[in-house]
Amino acid sequence: MDPVEMCGKGTSVMKLYRVEETTDQTRIHHLVFFDRHGWYCEHGKQCGAVGDVQKFTRNKL
C-alpha cells in the first residue's frame, strides 16, 4: 500500500501493509506501519500481525 496515499503528504510512514486475519467465523483487518518509531499495528505493537509482516518482508529480501 502507498503510505502517502493512505496517511497523507506529511506522513513519516515508510512502509504500510494490510493484513487480513481469518478464523472460523471472524475476519480481522490490520494495518501494519513502519516509520521512525519502528513497526506497529493499529491494534498495538504487540499485535501478531506485526511479526507476520516482519517475517514476510525478511523473506522478500
PDB file of N, CA and C in Angstrom:
ATOM      1  N   MET A   1       0.838  -1.173   0.000  1.00  0.00           N
ATOM      2  CA  MET A   1       0.000   0.000   0.000  1.00  0.00           C
ATOM      3  C   MET A   1       0.887   1.243   0.000  1.00  0.00           C
ATOM      4  N   ASP A   2       0.386   2.299  -0.587  1.00  0.00           N
ATOM      5  CA  ASP A   2       1.124   3.558  -0.646  1.00  0.00           C
ATOM      6  C   ASP A   2       0.884   4.359   0.633  1.00  0.00           C
ATOM      7  N   PRO A   3       1.928   4.525   1.474  1.00  0.00           N
ATOM      8  CA  PRO A   3       1.752   5.246   2.740  1.00  0.00           C
ATOM      9  C   PRO A   3       1.276   6.685   2.560  1.00  0.00           C
ATOM     10  N   VAL A   4       1.774   7.372   1.540  1.00  0.00           N
ATOM     11  CA  VAL A   4       1.379   8.768   1.327  1.00  0.00           C
ATOM     12  C   VAL A   4      -0.099   8.848   0.954  1.00  0.00           C
ATOM     13  N   GLU A   5      -0.545   7.927   0.116  1.00  0.00           N
ATOM     14  CA  GLU A   5      -1.952   7.902  -0.285  1.00  0.00           C
ATOM     15  C   GLU A   5      -2.866   7.617   0.905  1.00  0.00           C
ATOM     16  N   MET A   6      -2.447   6.701   1.766  1.00  0.00           N
ATOM     17  CA  MET A   6      -3.282   6.308   2.910  1.00  0.00           C
ATOM     18  C   MET A   6      -3.175   7.268   4.091  1.00  0.00           C
ATOM     19  N   CYS A   7      -1.984   7.828   4.330  1.00  0.00           N
ATOM     20  CA  CYS A   7      -1.734   8.605   5.550  1.00  0.00           C
ATOM     21  C   CYS A   7      -1.587  10.106   5.315  1.00  0.00           C
ATOM     22  N   GLY A   8      -1.394  10.515   4.077  1.00  0.00           N
ATOM     23  CA  GLY A   8      -1.253  11.934   3.782  1.00  0.00           C
ATOM     24  C   GLY A   8       0.182  12.338   3.473  1.00  0.00           C
ATOM     25  N   LYS A   9       0.327  13.522   2.882  1.00  0.00           N
ATOM     26  CA  LYS A   9       1.639  14.003   2.417  1.00  0.00           C
ATOM     27  C   LYS A   9       2.674  14.137   3.522  1.00  0.00           C
ATOM     28  N   GLY A  10       2.274  14.525   4.699  1.00  0.00           N
ATOM     29  CA  GLY A  10       3.225  14.764   5.775  1.00  0.00           C
ATOM     30  C   GLY A  10       3.573  13.544   6.601  1.00  0.00           C
ATOM     31  N   THR A  11       3.189  12.366   6.155  1.00  0.00           N
ATOM     32  CA  THR A  11       3.396  11.157   6.953  1.00  0.00           C
ATOM     33  C   THR A  11       4.875  10.796   7.081  1.00  0.00           C
ATOM     34  N   SER A  12       5.219  10.183   8.198  1.00  0.00           N
ATOM     35  CA  SER A  12       6.567   9.642   8.381  1.00  0.00           C
ATOM     36  C   SER A  12       6.586   8.136   8.101  1.00  0.00           C
ATOM     37  N   VAL A  13       5.432   7.577   7.730  1.00  0.00           N
ATOM     38  CA  VAL A  13       5.326   6.140   7.440  1.00  0.00           C
ATOM     39  C   VAL A  13       6.059   5.846   6.135  1.00  0.00           C
ATOM     40  N   MET A  14       6.969   4.850   6.197  1.00  0.00           N
ATOM     41  CA  MET A  14       7.751   4.465   5.027  1.00  0.00           C
ATOM     42  C   MET A  14       7.206   3.204   4.371  1.00  0.00           C
ATOM     43  N   LYS A  15       6.622   2.322   5.169  1.00  0.00           N
ATOM     44  CA  LYS A  15       6.042   1.072   4.672  1.00  0.00           C
ATOM     45  C   LYS A  15       4.671   0.903   5.311  1.00  0.00           C
ATOM     46  N   LEU A  16       3.727   0.343   4.558  1.00  0.00           N
ATOM     47  CA  LEU A  16       2.378   0.125   5.063  1.00  0.00           C
ATOM     48  C   LEU A  16       1.833  -1.151   4.447  1.00  0.00           C
ATOM     49  N   TYR A  17       1.346  -2.040   5.292  1.00  0.00           N
ATOM     50  CA  TYR A  17       0.799  -3.316   4.842  1.00  0.00           C
ATOM     51  C   TYR A  17      -0.583  -3.522   5.433  1.00  0.00           C
ATOM     52  N   ARG A  18      -1.464  -4.117   4.635  1.00  0.00           N
ATOM     53  CA  ARG A  18      -2.791  -4.507   5.101  1.00  0.00           C
ATOM     54  C   ARG A  18      -2.775  -6.021   5.254  1.00  0.00           C
ATOM     55  N   VAL A  19      -3.161  -6.492   6.425  1.00  0.00           N
ATOM     56  CA  VAL A  19      -3.164  -7.923   6.731  1.00  0.00           C
ATOM     57  C   VAL A  19      -4.590  -8.327   7.051  1.00  0.00           C
ATOM     58  N   GLU A  20      -5.025  -9.438   6.471  1.00  0.00           N
ATOM     59  CA  GLU A  20      -6.349  -9.978   6.769  1.00  0.00           C
ATOM     60  C   GLU A  20      -6.173 -11.276   7.538  1.00  0.00           C
ATOM     61  N   GLU A  21      -6.672 -11.304   8.750  1.00  0.00           N
ATOM     62  CA  GLU A  21      -6.599 -12.482   9.617  1.00  0.00           C
ATOM     63  C   GLU A  21      -7.977 -13.144   9.613  1.00  0.00           C
ATOM     64  N   THR A  22      -8.020 -14.414   9.234  1.00  0.00           N
ATOM     65  CA  THR A  22      -9.293 -15.121   9.145  1.00  0.00           C
ATOM     66  C   THR A  22      -9.287 -16.316  10.082  1.00  0.00           C
ATOM     67  N   THR A  23     -10.318 -16.398  10.913  1.00  0.00           N
ATOM     68  CA  THR A  23     -10.536 -17.575  11.748  1.00  0.00           C
ATOM     69  C   THR A  23     -11.827 -18.227  11.269  1.00  0.00           C
ATOM     70  N   ASP A  24     -12.355 -19.169  12.022  1.00  0.00           N
ATOM     71  CA  ASP A  24     -13.540 -19.908  11.585  1.00  0.00           C
ATOM     72  C   ASP A  24     -14.665 -18.998  11.086  1.00  0.00           C
ATOM     73  N   GLN A  25     -15.066 -18.031  11.885  1.00  0.00           N
ATOM     74  CA  GLN A  25     -16.195 -17.187  11.509  1.00  0.00           C
ATOM     75  C   GLN A  25     -15.879 -15.702  11.608  1.00  0.00           C
ATOM     76  N   THR A  26     -14.616 -15.372  11.804  1.00  0.00           N
ATOM     77  CA  THR A  26     -14.239 -13.981  12.026  1.00  0.00           C
ATOM     78  C   THR A  26     -13.157 -13.558  11.038  1.00  0.00           C
ATOM     79  N   ARG A  27     -13.252 -12.333  10.585  1.00  0.00           N
ATOM     80  CA  ARG A  27     -12.224 -11.750   9.724  1.00  0.00           C
ATOM     81  C   ARG A  27     -11.795 -10.437  10.369  1.00  0.00           C
ATOM     82  N   ILE A  28     -10.496 -10.310  10.645  1.00  0.00           N
ATOM     83  CA  ILE A  28      -9.955  -9.107  11.271  1.00  0.00           C
ATOM     84  C   ILE A  28      -8.948  -8.480  10.309  1.00  0.00           C
ATOM     85  N   HIS A  29      -9.090  -7.185  10.074  1.00  0.00           N
ATOM     86  CA  HIS A  29      -8.157  -6.455   9.218  1.00  0.00           C
ATOM     87  C   HIS A  29      -7.175  -5.672  10.084  1.00  0.00           C
ATOM     88  N   HIS A  30      -5.933  -5.677   9.653  1.00  0.00           N
ATOM     89  CA  HIS A  30      -4.864  -4.970  10.358  1.00  0.00           C
ATOM     90  C   HIS A  30      -4.166  -4.036   9.374  1.00  0.00           C
ATOM     91  N   LEU A  31      -3.780  -2.874   9.839  1.00  0.00           N
ATOM     92  CA  LEU A  31      -2.871  -2.005   9.099  1.00  0.00           C
ATOM     93  C   LEU A  31      -1.570  -1.982   9.887  1.00  0.00           C
ATOM     94  N   VAL A  32      -0.501  -2.436   9.248  1.00  0.00           N
ATOM     95  CA  VAL A  32       0.808  -2.500   9.897  1.00  0.00           C
ATOM     96  C   VAL A  32       1.705  -1.445   9.248  1.00  0.00           C
ATOM     97  N   PHE A  33       2.276  -0.602  10.089  1.00  0.00           N
ATOM     98  CA  PHE A  33       3.061   0.551   9.661  1.00  0.00           C
ATOM     99  C   PHE A  33       4.529   0.384  10.047  1.00  0.00           C
ATOM    100  N   PHE A  34       5.410   0.975   9.247  1.00  0.00           N
ATOM    101  CA  PHE A  34       6.814   1.118   9.620  1.00  0.00           C
ATOM    102  C   PHE A  34       7.191   2.579   9.437  1.00  0.00           C
ATOM    103  N   ASP A  35       7.664   3.205  10.518  1.00  0.00           N
ATOM    104  CA  ASP A  35       8.135   4.585  10.459  1.00  0.00           C
ATOM    105  C   ASP A  35       9.321   4.745  11.393  1.00  0.00           C
ATOM    106  N   ARG A  36       9.663   5.973  11.732  1.00  0.00           N
ATOM    107  CA  ARG A  36      10.853   6.221  12.562  1.00  0.00           C
ATOM    108  C   ARG A  36      10.758   5.587  13.946  1.00  0.00           C
ATOM    109  N   HIS A  37       9.557   5.191  14.354  1.00  0.00           N
ATOM    110  CA  HIS A  37       9.360   4.544  15.653  1.00  0.00           C
ATOM    111  C   HIS A  37       9.449   3.021  15.558  1.00  0.00           C
ATOM    112  N   GLY A  38       9.535   2.485  14.350  1.00  0.00           N
ATOM    113  CA  GLY A  38       9.602   1.042  14.151  1.00  0.00           C
ATOM    114  C   GLY A  38       8.297   0.496  13.599  1.00  0.00           C
ATOM    115  N   TRP A  39       8.110  -0.805  13.776  1.00  0.00           N
ATOM    116  CA  TRP A  39       6.922  -1.498  13.283  1.00  0.00           C
ATOM    117  C   TRP A  39       5.809  -1.448  14.320  1.00  0.00           C
ATOM    118  N   TYR A  40       4.585  -1.235  13.879  1.00  0.00           N
ATOM    119  CA  TYR A  40       3.435  -1.297  14.779  1.00  0.00           C
ATOM    120  C   TYR A  40       2.162  -1.489  13.969  1.00  0.00           C
ATOM    121  N   CYS A  41       1.154  -2.005  14.624  1.00  0.00           N
ATOM    122  CA  CYS A  41      -0.169  -2.230  14.034  1.00  0.00           C
ATOM    123  C   CYS A  41      -1.134  -1.225  14.647  1.00  0.00           C
ATOM    124  N   GLU A  42      -2.210  -0.984  13.959  1.00  0.00           N
ATOM    125  CA  GLU A  42      -3.249  -0.125  14.519  1.00  0.00           C
ATOM    126  C   GLU A  42      -3.794  -0.706  15.823  1.00  0.00           C
ATOM    127  N   HIS A  43      -3.582  -2.004  16.053  1.00  0.00           N
ATOM    128  CA  HIS A  43      -4.034  -2.667  17.279  1.00  0.00           C
ATOM    129  C   HIS A  43      -2.954  -2.701  18.358  1.00  0.00           C
ATOM    130  N   GLY A  44      -1.777  -2.134  18.068  1.00  0.00           N
ATOM    131  CA  GLY A  44      -0.697  -2.087  19.047  1.00  0.00           C
ATOM    132  C   GLY A  44       0.560  -2.791  18.559  1.00  0.00           C
ATOM    133  N   LYS A  45       1.681  -2.506  19.202  1.00  0.00           N
ATOM    134  CA  LYS A  45       2.973  -3.085  18.806  1.00  0.00           C
ATOM    135  C   LYS A  45       3.037  -4.587  19.046  1.00  0.00           C
ATOM    136  N   GLN A  46       2.266  -5.074  20.010  1.00  0.00           N
ATOM    137  CA  GLN A  46       2.312  -6.495  20.353  1.00  0.00           C
ATOM    138  C   GLN A  46       1.388  -7.347  19.489  1.00  0.00           C
ATOM    139  N   CYS A  47       0.653  -6.740  18.571  1.00  0.00           N
ATOM    140  CA  CYS A  47      -0.262  -7.468  17.694  1.00  0.00           C
ATOM    141  C   CYS A  47       0.530  -8.478  16.859  1.00  0.00           C
ATOM    142  N   GLY A  48      -0.003  -9.677  16.699  1.00  0.00           N
ATOM    143  CA  GLY A  48       0.665 -10.726  15.942  1.00  0.00           C
ATOM    144  C   GLY A  48       0.910 -10.383  14.484  1.00  0.00           C
ATOM    145  N   ALA A  49       0.107  -9.484  13.936  1.00  0.00           N
ATOM    146  CA  ALA A  49       0.274  -9.093  12.533  1.00  0.00           C
ATOM    147  C   ALA A  49       1.617  -8.402  12.304  1.00  0.00           C
ATOM    148  N   VAL A  50       2.152  -7.739  13.316  1.00  0.00           N
ATOM    149  CA  VAL A  50       3.452  -7.064  13.192  1.00  0.00           C
ATOM    150  C   VAL A  50       4.534  -8.100  12.894  1.00  0.00           C
ATOM    151  N   GLY A  51       4.574  -9.169  13.659  1.00  0.00           N
ATOM    152  CA  GLY A  51       5.557 -10.229  13.433  1.00  0.00           C
ATOM    153  C   GLY A  51       5.371 -10.909  12.093  1.00  0.00           C
ATOM    154  N   ASP A  52       4.123 -11.092  11.678  1.00  0.00           N
ATOM    155  CA  ASP A  52       3.852 -11.704  10.374  1.00  0.00           C
ATOM    156  C   ASP A  52       4.412 -10.851   9.239  1.00  0.00           C
ATOM    157  N   VAL A  53       4.213  -9.545   9.319  1.00  0.00           N
ATOM    158  CA  VAL A  53       4.718  -8.646   8.275  1.00  0.00           C
ATOM    159  C   VAL A  53       6.245  -8.601   8.304  1.00  0.00           C
ATOM    160  N   GLN A  54       6.834  -8.579   9.493  1.00  0.00           N
ATOM    161  CA  GLN A  54       8.300  -8.575   9.579  1.00  0.00           C
ATOM    162  C   GLN A  54       8.872  -9.833   8.937  1.00  0.00           C
ATOM    163  N   LYS A  55       8.269 -10.967   9.199  1.00  0.00           N
ATOM    164  CA  LYS A  55       8.725 -12.226   8.597  1.00  0.00           C
ATOM    165  C   LYS A  55       8.558 -12.179   7.075  1.00  0.00           C
ATOM    166  N   PHE A  56       7.425 -11.670   6.608  1.00  0.00           N
ATOM    167  CA  PHE A  56       7.155 -11.555   5.175  1.00  0.00           C
ATOM    168  C   PHE A  56       8.190 -10.668   4.486  1.00  0.00           C
ATOM    169  N   THR A  57       8.495  -9.527   5.088  1.00  0.00           N
ATOM    170  CA  THR A  57       9.444  -8.606   4.453  1.00  0.00           C
ATOM    171  C   THR A  57      10.864  -9.164   4.473  1.00  0.00           C
ATOM    172  N   ARG A  58      11.239  -9.904   5.515  1.00  0.00           N
ATOM    173  CA  ARG A  58      12.571 -10.539   5.557  1.00  0.00           C
ATOM    174  C   ARG A  58      12.689 -11.575   4.454  1.00  0.00           C
ATOM    175  N   ASN A  59      11.627 -12.341   4.214  1.00  0.00           N
ATOM    176  CA  ASN A  59      11.657 -13.392   3.199  1.00  0.00           C
ATOM    177  C   ASN A  59      11.722 -12.829   1.782  1.00  0.00           C
ATOM    178  N   LYS A  60      11.292 -11.580   1.593  1.00  0.00           N
ATOM    179  CA  LYS A  60      11.326 -10.963   0.266  1.00  0.00           C
ATOM    180  C   LYS A  60      12.713 -10.468  -0.109  1.00  0.00           C
ATOM    181  N   LEU A  61      13.596 -10.277   0.868  1.00  0.00           N
ATOM    182  CA  LEU A  61      14.934  -9.727   0.583  1.00  0.00           C
ATOM    183  C   LEU A  61      15.848 -10.755  -0.012  1.00  0.00           C
TER     184      LEU A  61
END
